[in-house]
């Protein structure tokens, strides 16, 4: 009985750790996708992810990393429109 309780507690602790790791992994994946798209396009004004996101915030464009990562992969024309809106 005690052994099962310890196993259950260990399972719950590991489950929370893994859940947090998955969140970190996906955030890193979205940032990598956005950064790769920015560098591939070759925009001189914002050639880094941090500059791109800074200009997004200054222009009051509210898009999270998940949506931007999906747009960068699936809909490149929309991503070009967003980046041109930021630059000009």
PDB file of N, CA and C in Angstrom:
ATOM      1  N   UNK A   1       0.821  -1.191   0.000  1.00  0.00           N
ATOM      2  CA  UNK A   1       0.000   0.000   0.000  1.00  0.00           C
ATOM      3  C   UNK A   1       0.868   1.260   0.000  1.00  0.00           C
ATOM      4  N   UNK A   2       1.887   1.274   0.836  1.00  0.00           N
ATOM      5  CA  UNK A   2       2.767   2.433   0.911  1.00  0.00           C
ATOM      6  C   UNK A   2       3.561   2.577  -0.383  1.00  0.00           C
ATOM      7  N   UNK A   3       3.985   1.446  -0.938  1.00  0.00           N
ATOM      8  CA  UNK A   3       4.758   1.489  -2.169  1.00  0.00           C
ATOM      9  C   UNK A   3       3.927   2.071  -3.317  1.00  0.00           C
ATOM     10  N   UNK A   4       2.657   1.699  -3.391  1.00  0.00           N
ATOM     11  CA  UNK A   4       1.785   2.228  -4.443  1.00  0.00           C
ATOM     12  C   UNK A   4       1.602   3.731  -4.286  1.00  0.00           C
ATOM     13  N   UNK A   5       1.457   4.197  -3.061  1.00  0.00           N
ATOM     14  CA  UNK A   5       1.303   5.630  -2.835  1.00  0.00           C
ATOM     15  C   UNK A   5       2.551   6.389  -3.265  1.00  0.00           C
ATOM     16  N   UNK A   6       3.721   5.837  -2.957  1.00  0.00           N
ATOM     17  CA  UNK A   6       4.969   6.473  -3.369  1.00  0.00           C
ATOM     18  C   UNK A   6       5.079   6.502  -4.892  1.00  0.00           C
ATOM     19  N   UNK A   7       4.668   5.413  -5.540  1.00  0.00           N
ATOM     20  CA  UNK A   7       4.706   5.365  -6.999  1.00  0.00           C
ATOM     21  C   UNK A   7       3.747   6.392  -7.601  1.00  0.00           C
ATOM     22  N   UNK A   8       2.591   6.529  -7.007  1.00  0.00           N
ATOM     23  CA  UNK A   8       1.625   7.512  -7.506  1.00  0.00           C
ATOM     24  C   UNK A   8       2.149   8.936  -7.354  1.00  0.00           C
ATOM     25  N   UNK A   9       2.773   9.212  -6.231  1.00  0.00           N
ATOM     26  CA  UNK A   9       3.343  10.542  -6.006  1.00  0.00           C
ATOM     27  C   UNK A   9       4.464  10.806  -7.003  1.00  0.00           C
ATOM     28  N   UNK A  10       5.319   9.819  -7.217  1.00  0.00           N
ATOM     29  CA  UNK A  10       6.405   9.972  -8.181  1.00  0.00           C
ATOM     30  C   UNK A  10       5.854  10.197  -9.582  1.00  0.00           C
ATOM     31  N   UNK A  11       4.795   9.469  -9.928  1.00  0.00           N
ATOM     32  CA  UNK A  11       4.172   9.627 -11.238  1.00  0.00           C
ATOM     33  C   UNK A  11       3.645  11.049 -11.420  1.00  0.00           C
ATOM     34  N   UNK A  12       2.994  11.585 -10.404  1.00  0.00           N
ATOM     35  CA  UNK A  12       2.442  12.932 -10.502  1.00  0.00           C
ATOM     36  C   UNK A  12       3.538  13.985 -10.620  1.00  0.00           C
ATOM     37  N   UNK A  13       4.622  13.806  -9.895  1.00  0.00           N
ATOM     38  CA  UNK A  13       5.745  14.740  -9.980  1.00  0.00           C
ATOM     39  C   UNK A  13       6.357  14.701 -11.375  1.00  0.00           C
ATOM     40  N   UNK A  14       6.594  13.503 -11.898  1.00  0.00           N
ATOM     41  CA  UNK A  14       7.165  13.367 -13.236  1.00  0.00           C
ATOM     42  C   UNK A  14       6.223  13.916 -14.299  1.00  0.00           C
ATOM     43  N   UNK A  15       4.933  13.727 -14.104  1.00  0.00           N
ATOM     44  CA  UNK A  15       3.946  14.217 -15.065  1.00  0.00           C
ATOM     45  C   UNK A  15       4.009  15.738 -15.160  1.00  0.00           C
ATOM     46  N   UNK A  16       4.123  16.412 -14.030  1.00  0.00           N
ATOM     47  CA  UNK A  16       4.210  17.871 -14.043  1.00  0.00           C
ATOM     48  C   UNK A  16       5.499  18.345 -14.692  1.00  0.00           C
ATOM     49  N   UNK A  17       6.608  17.662 -14.420  1.00  0.00           N
ATOM     50  CA  UNK A  17       7.878  18.031 -15.039  1.00  0.00           C
ATOM     51  C   UNK A  17       7.793  17.890 -16.550  1.00  0.00           C
ATOM     52  N   UNK A  18       7.245  16.785 -17.012  1.00  0.00           N
ATOM     53  CA  UNK A  18       7.147  16.549 -18.446  1.00  0.00           C
ATOM     54  C   UNK A  18       6.201  17.543 -19.112  1.00  0.00           C
ATOM     55  N   UNK A  19       5.151  17.897 -18.440  1.00  0.00           N
ATOM     56  CA  UNK A  19       4.206  18.863 -18.997  1.00  0.00           C
ATOM     57  C   UNK A  19       4.881  20.216 -19.185  1.00  0.00           C
ATOM     58  N   UNK A  20       5.703  20.610 -18.234  1.00  0.00           N
ATOM     59  CA  UNK A  20       6.430  21.872 -18.357  1.00  0.00           C
ATOM     60  C   UNK A  20       7.482  21.789 -19.453  1.00  0.00           C
ATOM     61  N   UNK A  21       8.130  20.632 -19.588  1.00  0.00           N
ATOM     62  CA  UNK A  21       9.126  20.463 -20.643  1.00  0.00           C
ATOM     63  C   UNK A  21       8.492  20.554 -22.025  1.00  0.00           C
ATOM     64  N   UNK A  22       7.288  20.021 -22.156  1.00  0.00           N
ATOM     65  CA  UNK A  22       6.591  20.082 -23.441  1.00  0.00           C
ATOM     66  C   UNK A  22       6.267  21.528 -23.793  1.00  0.00           C
ATOM     67  N   UNK A  23       5.842  22.323 -22.826  1.00  0.00           N
ATOM     68  CA  UNK A  23       5.559  23.734 -23.070  1.00  0.00           C
ATOM     69  C   UNK A  23       6.821  24.467 -23.511  1.00  0.00           C
ATOM     70  N   UNK A  24       7.923  24.195 -22.832  1.00  0.00           N
ATOM     71  CA  UNK A  24       9.197  24.826 -23.178  1.00  0.00           C
ATOM     72  C   UNK A  24       9.634  24.409 -24.573  1.00  0.00           C
ATOM     73  N   UNK A  25       9.468  23.136 -24.894  1.00  0.00           N
ATOM     74  CA  UNK A  25       9.865  22.624 -26.202  1.00  0.00           C
ATOM     75  C   UNK A  25       9.085  23.305 -27.325  1.00  0.00           C
ATOM     76  N   UNK A  26       7.775  23.414 -27.177  1.00  0.00           N
ATOM     77  CA  UNK A  26       6.970  24.016 -28.230  1.00  0.00           C
ATOM     78  C   UNK A  26       7.251  25.508 -28.371  1.00  0.00           C
ATOM     79  N   UNK A  27       7.459  26.199 -27.270  1.00  0.00           N
ATOM     80  CA  UNK A  27       7.805  27.622 -27.356  1.00  0.00           C
ATOM     81  C   UNK A  27       9.112  27.790 -28.115  1.00  0.00           C
ATOM     82  N   UNK A  28      10.090  26.945 -27.814  1.00  0.00           N
ATOM     83  CA  UNK A  28      11.371  26.993 -28.514  1.00  0.00           C
ATOM     84  C   UNK A  28      11.206  26.686 -30.002  1.00  0.00           C
ATOM     85  N   UNK A  29      10.326  25.746 -30.328  1.00  0.00           N
ATOM     86  CA  UNK A  29      10.056  25.389 -31.718  1.00  0.00           C
ATOM     87  C   UNK A  29       9.440  26.556 -32.479  1.00  0.00           C
ATOM     88  N   UNK A  30       8.462  27.238 -31.876  1.00  0.00           N
ATOM     89  CA  UNK A  30       7.823  28.369 -32.543  1.00  0.00           C
ATOM     90  C   UNK A  30       8.818  29.498 -32.776  1.00  0.00           C
ATOM     91  N   UNK A  31       9.647  29.782 -31.784  1.00  0.00           N
ATOM     92  CA  UNK A  31      10.641  30.840 -31.926  1.00  0.00           C
ATOM     93  C   UNK A  31      11.636  30.482 -33.017  1.00  0.00           C
ATOM     94  N   UNK A  32      12.045  29.222 -33.094  1.00  0.00           N
ATOM     95  CA  UNK A  32      12.979  28.782 -34.125  1.00  0.00           C
ATOM     96  C   UNK A  32      12.367  28.926 -35.509  1.00  0.00           C
ATOM     97  N   UNK A  33      11.104  28.580 -35.662  1.00  0.00           N
ATOM     98  CA  UNK A  33      10.430  28.715 -36.959  1.00  0.00           C
ATOM     99  C   UNK A  33      10.364  30.169 -37.399  1.00  0.00           C
ATOM    100  N   UNK A  34       9.989  31.049 -36.485  1.00  0.00           N
ATOM    101  CA  UNK A  34       9.888  32.473 -36.820  1.00  0.00           C
ATOM    102  C   UNK A  34      11.257  33.026 -37.173  1.00  0.00           C
ATOM    103  N   UNK A  35      12.259  32.695 -36.393  1.00  0.00           N
ATOM    104  CA  UNK A  35      13.613  33.183 -36.628  1.00  0.00           C
ATOM    105  C   UNK A  35      14.150  32.679 -37.960  1.00  0.00           C
ATOM    106  N   UNK A  36      13.881  31.430 -38.288  1.00  0.00           N
ATOM    107  CA  UNK A  36      14.344  30.879 -39.562  1.00  0.00           C
ATOM    108  C   UNK A  36      13.682  31.592 -40.731  1.00  0.00           C
ATOM    109  N   UNK A  37      12.409  31.866 -40.614  1.00  0.00           N
ATOM    110  CA  UNK A  37      11.691  32.557 -41.691  1.00  0.00           C
ATOM    111  C   UNK A  37      12.199  33.978 -41.863  1.00  0.00           C
ATOM    112  N   UNK A  38      12.460  34.666 -40.768  1.00  0.00           N
ATOM    113  CA  UNK A  38      12.973  36.036 -40.836  1.00  0.00           C
ATOM    114  C   UNK A  38      14.340  36.051 -41.501  1.00  0.00           C
ATOM    115  N   UNK A  39      15.207  35.149 -41.110  1.00  0.00           N
ATOM    116  CA  UNK A  39      16.551  35.112 -41.694  1.00  0.00           C
ATOM    117  C   UNK A  39      16.530  34.663 -43.145  1.00  0.00           C
ATOM    118  N   UNK A  40      15.607  33.781 -43.498  1.00  0.00           N
ATOM    119  CA  UNK A  40      15.505  33.303 -44.877  1.00  0.00           C
ATOM    120  C   UNK A  40      15.029  34.416 -45.801  1.00  0.00           C
ATOM    121  N   UNK A  41      14.118  35.254 -45.314  1.00  0.00           N
ATOM    122  CA  UNK A  41      13.612  36.365 -46.122  1.00  0.00           C
ATOM    123  C   UNK A  41      14.672  37.423 -46.345  1.00  0.00           C
ATOM    124  N   UNK A  42      15.562  37.587 -45.408  1.00  0.00           N
ATOM    125  CA  UNK A  42      16.664  38.527 -45.558  1.00  0.00           C
ATOM    126  C   UNK A  42      16.280  39.975 -45.332  1.00  0.00           C
ATOM    127  N   UNK A  43      15.348  40.240 -44.445  1.00  0.00           N
ATOM    128  CA  UNK A  43      15.024  41.621 -44.103  1.00  0.00           C
ATOM    129  C   UNK A  43      16.201  42.235 -43.369  1.00  0.00           C
ATOM    130  N   UNK A  44      16.690  43.362 -43.891  1.00  0.00           N
ATOM    131  CA  UNK A  44      17.845  43.992 -43.265  1.00  0.00           C
ATOM    132  C   UNK A  44      17.466  44.732 -41.988  1.00  0.00           C
ATOM    133  N   UNK A  45      16.230  45.190 -41.910  1.00  0.00           N
ATOM    134  CA  UNK A  45      15.838  46.004 -40.764  1.00  0.00           C
ATOM    135  C   UNK A  45      15.571  45.183 -39.510  1.00  0.00           C
ATOM    136  N   UNK A  46      15.073  43.999 -39.689  1.00  0.00           N
ATOM    137  CA  UNK A  46      14.848  43.145 -38.516  1.00  0.00           C
ATOM    138  C   UNK A  46      15.253  41.720 -38.880  1.00  0.00           C
ATOM    139  N   UNK A  47      16.530  41.479 -38.847  1.00  0.00           N
ATOM    140  CA  UNK A  47      17.049  40.175 -39.250  1.00  0.00           C
ATOM    141  C   UNK A  47      17.136  39.193 -38.086  1.00  0.00           C
ATOM    142  N   UNK A  48      16.676  39.606 -36.917  1.00  0.00           N
ATOM    143  CA  UNK A  48      16.686  38.734 -35.757  1.00  0.00           C
ATOM    144  C   UNK A  48      15.287  38.656 -35.163  1.00  0.00           C
ATOM    145  N   UNK A  49      15.051  37.589 -34.483  1.00  0.00           N
ATOM    146  CA  UNK A  49      13.745  37.362 -33.861  1.00  0.00           C
ATOM    147  C   UNK A  49      13.420  38.450 -32.850  1.00  0.00           C
ATOM    148  N   UNK A  50      14.395  38.832 -32.043  1.00  0.00           N
ATOM    149  CA  UNK A  50      14.125  39.810 -30.987  1.00  0.00           C
ATOM    150  C   UNK A  50      13.737  41.167 -31.575  1.00  0.00           C
ATOM    151  N   UNK A  51      14.411  41.594 -32.641  1.00  0.00           N
ATOM    152  CA  UNK A  51      14.050  42.858 -33.283  1.00  0.00           C
ATOM    153  C   UNK A  51      12.669  42.781 -33.920  1.00  0.00           C
ATOM    154  N   UNK A  52      12.382  41.656 -34.548  1.00  0.00           N
ATOM    155  CA  UNK A  52      11.084  41.457 -35.185  1.00  0.00           C
ATOM    156  C   UNK A  52       9.959  41.534 -34.160  1.00  0.00           C
ATOM    157  N   UNK A  53      10.132  40.855 -33.055  1.00  0.00           N
ATOM    158  CA  UNK A  53       9.094  40.851 -32.024  1.00  0.00           C
ATOM    159  C   UNK A  53       8.972  42.209 -31.354  1.00  0.00           C
ATOM    160  N   UNK A  54      10.088  42.911 -31.214  1.00  0.00           N
ATOM    161  CA  UNK A  54      10.056  44.257 -30.650  1.00  0.00           C
ATOM    162  C   UNK A  54       9.242  45.185 -31.545  1.00  0.00           C
ATOM    163  N   UNK A  55       9.449  45.095 -32.856  1.00  0.00           N
ATOM    164  CA  UNK A  55       8.697  45.940 -33.783  1.00  0.00           C
ATOM    165  C   UNK A  55       7.223  45.543 -33.827  1.00  0.00           C
ATOM    166  N   UNK A  56       6.933  44.266 -33.645  1.00  0.00           N
ATOM    167  CA  UNK A  56       5.531  43.842 -33.546  1.00  0.00           C
ATOM    168  C   UNK A  56       4.848  44.534 -32.373  1.00  0.00           C
ATOM    169  N   UNK A  57       5.500  44.536 -31.240  1.00  0.00           N
ATOM    170  CA  UNK A  57       4.920  45.136 -30.036  1.00  0.00           C
ATOM    171  C   UNK A  57       4.782  46.652 -30.184  1.00  0.00           C
ATOM    172  N   UNK A  58       5.773  47.304 -30.802  1.00  0.00           N
ATOM    173  CA  UNK A  58       5.708  48.756 -30.975  1.00  0.00           C
ATOM    174  C   UNK A  58       4.576  49.158 -31.913  1.00  0.00           C
ATOM    175  N   UNK A  59       4.312  48.339 -32.922  1.00  0.00           N
ATOM    176  CA  UNK A  59       3.218  48.623 -33.855  1.00  0.00           C
ATOM    177  C   UNK A  59       1.876  48.103 -33.359  1.00  0.00           C
ATOM    178  N   UNK A  60       1.856  47.600 -32.154  1.00  0.00           N
ATOM    179  CA  UNK A  60       0.636  47.113 -31.487  1.00  0.00           C
ATOM    180  C   UNK A  60      -0.048  45.999 -32.274  1.00  0.00           C
ATOM    181  N   UNK A  61       0.755  45.114 -32.827  1.00  0.00           N
ATOM    182  CA  UNK A  61       0.231  43.916 -33.476  1.00  0.00           C
ATOM    183  C   UNK A  61       0.262  42.806 -32.438  1.00  0.00           C
ATOM    184  N   UNK A  62      -0.897  42.293 -32.101  1.00  0.00           N
ATOM    185  CA  UNK A  62      -0.990  41.301 -31.036  1.00  0.00           C
ATOM    186  C   UNK A  62      -1.141  39.916 -31.658  1.00  0.00           C
ATOM    187  N   UNK A  63      -0.031  39.264 -31.859  1.00  0.00           N
ATOM    188  CA  UNK A  63      -0.002  37.879 -32.325  1.00  0.00           C
ATOM    189  C   UNK A  63       0.968  37.125 -31.435  1.00  0.00           C
ATOM    190  N   UNK A  64       0.558  35.976 -30.964  1.00  0.00           N
ATOM    191  CA  UNK A  64       1.461  35.219 -30.102  1.00  0.00           C
ATOM    192  C   UNK A  64       2.421  34.373 -30.940  1.00  0.00           C
ATOM    193  N   UNK A  65       3.373  33.770 -30.283  1.00  0.00           N
ATOM    194  CA  UNK A  65       4.414  33.013 -30.971  1.00  0.00           C
ATOM    195  C   UNK A  65       3.852  31.801 -31.702  1.00  0.00           C
ATOM    196  N   UNK A  66       2.857  31.180 -31.123  1.00  0.00           N
ATOM    197  CA  UNK A  66       2.272  29.991 -31.738  1.00  0.00           C
ATOM    198  C   UNK A  66       1.656  30.335 -33.088  1.00  0.00           C
ATOM    199  N   UNK A  67       0.866  31.385 -33.126  1.00  0.00           N
ATOM    200  CA  UNK A  67       0.204  31.790 -34.365  1.00  0.00           C
ATOM    201  C   UNK A  67       1.233  32.245 -35.393  1.00  0.00           C
ATOM    202  N   UNK A  68       2.209  33.034 -34.974  1.00  0.00           N
ATOM    203  CA  UNK A  68       3.243  33.486 -35.908  1.00  0.00           C
ATOM    204  C   UNK A  68       4.049  32.322 -36.463  1.00  0.00           C
ATOM    205  N   UNK A  69       4.340  31.333 -35.631  1.00  0.00           N
ATOM    206  CA  UNK A  69       5.061  30.148 -36.101  1.00  0.00           C
ATOM    207  C   UNK A  69       4.267  29.376 -37.134  1.00  0.00           C
ATOM    208  N   UNK A  70       2.961  29.264 -36.932  1.00  0.00           N
ATOM    209  CA  UNK A  70       2.118  28.571 -37.902  1.00  0.00           C
ATOM    210  C   UNK A  70       1.986  29.368 -39.191  1.00  0.00           C
ATOM    211  N   UNK A  71       1.881  30.688 -39.083  1.00  0.00           N
ATOM    212  CA  UNK A  71       1.803  31.529 -40.276  1.00  0.00           C
ATOM    213  C   UNK A  71       3.101  31.450 -41.066  1.00  0.00           C
ATOM    214  N   UNK A  72       4.228  31.442 -40.378  1.00  0.00           N
ATOM    215  CA  UNK A  72       5.525  31.389 -41.054  1.00  0.00           C
ATOM    216  C   UNK A  72       5.678  30.116 -41.873  1.00  0.00           C
ATOM    217  N   UNK A  73       5.129  29.016 -41.403  1.00  0.00           N
ATOM    218  CA  UNK A  73       5.249  27.750 -42.121  1.00  0.00           C
ATOM    219  C   UNK A  73       4.167  27.598 -43.184  1.00  0.00           C
ATOM    220  N   UNK A  74       2.924  27.869 -42.827  1.00  0.00           N
ATOM    221  CA  UNK A  74       1.800  27.535 -43.706  1.00  0.00           C
ATOM    222  C   UNK A  74       1.450  28.636 -44.702  1.00  0.00           C
ATOM    223  N   UNK A  75       1.520  29.889 -44.290  1.00  0.00           N
ATOM    224  CA  UNK A  75       1.039  30.975 -45.130  1.00  0.00           C
ATOM    225  C   UNK A  75       2.119  32.045 -45.245  1.00  0.00           C
ATOM    226  N   UNK A  76       3.029  31.864 -46.176  1.00  0.00           N
ATOM    227  CA  UNK A  76       4.167  32.774 -46.280  1.00  0.00           C
ATOM    228  C   UNK A  76       3.751  34.159 -46.750  1.00  0.00           C
ATOM    229  N   UNK A  77       2.738  34.236 -47.595  1.00  0.00           N
ATOM    230  CA  UNK A  77       2.282  35.536 -48.078  1.00  0.00           C
ATOM    231  C   UNK A  77       1.781  36.404 -46.924  1.00  0.00           C
ATOM    232  N   UNK A  78       1.052  35.815 -46.028  1.00  0.00           N
ATOM    233  CA  UNK A  78       0.566  36.536 -44.848  1.00  0.00           C
ATOM    234  C   UNK A  78       1.739  36.995 -43.981  1.00  0.00           C
ATOM    235  N   UNK A  79       2.753  36.164 -43.860  1.00  0.00           N
ATOM    236  CA  UNK A  79       3.931  36.537 -43.078  1.00  0.00           C
ATOM    237  C   UNK A  79       4.664  37.707 -43.730  1.00  0.00           C
ATOM    238  N   UNK A  80       4.740  37.712 -45.071  1.00  0.00           N
ATOM    239  CA  UNK A  80       5.348  38.836 -45.789  1.00  0.00           C
ATOM    240  C   UNK A  80       4.571  40.124 -45.535  1.00  0.00           C
ATOM    241  N   UNK A  81       3.255  40.042 -45.547  1.00  0.00           N
ATOM    242  CA  UNK A  81       2.423  41.223 -45.304  1.00  0.00           C
ATOM    243  C   UNK A  81       2.674  41.764 -43.900  1.00  0.00           C
ATOM    244  N   UNK A  82       2.750  40.885 -42.932  1.00  0.00           N
ATOM    245  CA  UNK A  82       3.007  41.312 -41.551  1.00  0.00           C
ATOM    246  C   UNK A  82       4.381  41.958 -41.436  1.00  0.00           C
ATOM    247  N   UNK A  83       5.392  41.345 -42.030  1.00  0.00           N
ATOM    248  CA  UNK A  83       6.747  41.898 -41.926  1.00  0.00           C
ATOM    249  C   UNK A  83       6.858  43.226 -42.671  1.00  0.00           C
ATOM    250  N   UNK A  84       6.189  43.368 -43.817  1.00  0.00           N
ATOM    251  CA  UNK A  84       6.221  44.643 -44.533  1.00  0.00           C
ATOM    252  C   UNK A  84       5.470  45.728 -43.773  1.00  0.00           C
ATOM    253  N   UNK A  85       4.398  45.363 -43.105  1.00  0.00           N
ATOM    254  CA  UNK A  85       3.664  46.327 -42.295  1.00  0.00           C
ATOM    255  C   UNK A  85       4.530  46.845 -41.152  1.00  0.00           C
ATOM    256  N   UNK A  86       5.341  45.986 -40.603  1.00  0.00           N
ATOM    257  CA  UNK A  86       6.227  46.386 -39.509  1.00  0.00           C
ATOM    258  C   UNK A  86       7.311  47.328 -40.013  1.00  0.00           C
ATOM    259  N   UNK A  87       7.856  47.024 -41.178  1.00  0.00           N
ATOM    260  CA  UNK A  87       8.983  47.794 -41.683  1.00  0.00           C
ATOM    261  C   UNK A  87       8.586  49.188 -42.154  1.00  0.00           C
ATOM    262  N   UNK A  88       7.392  49.326 -42.696  1.00  0.00           N
ATOM    263  CA  UNK A  88       7.026  50.608 -43.326  1.00  0.00           C
ATOM    264  C   UNK A  88       5.872  51.278 -42.663  1.00  0.00           C
TER     265      UNK A  88
END
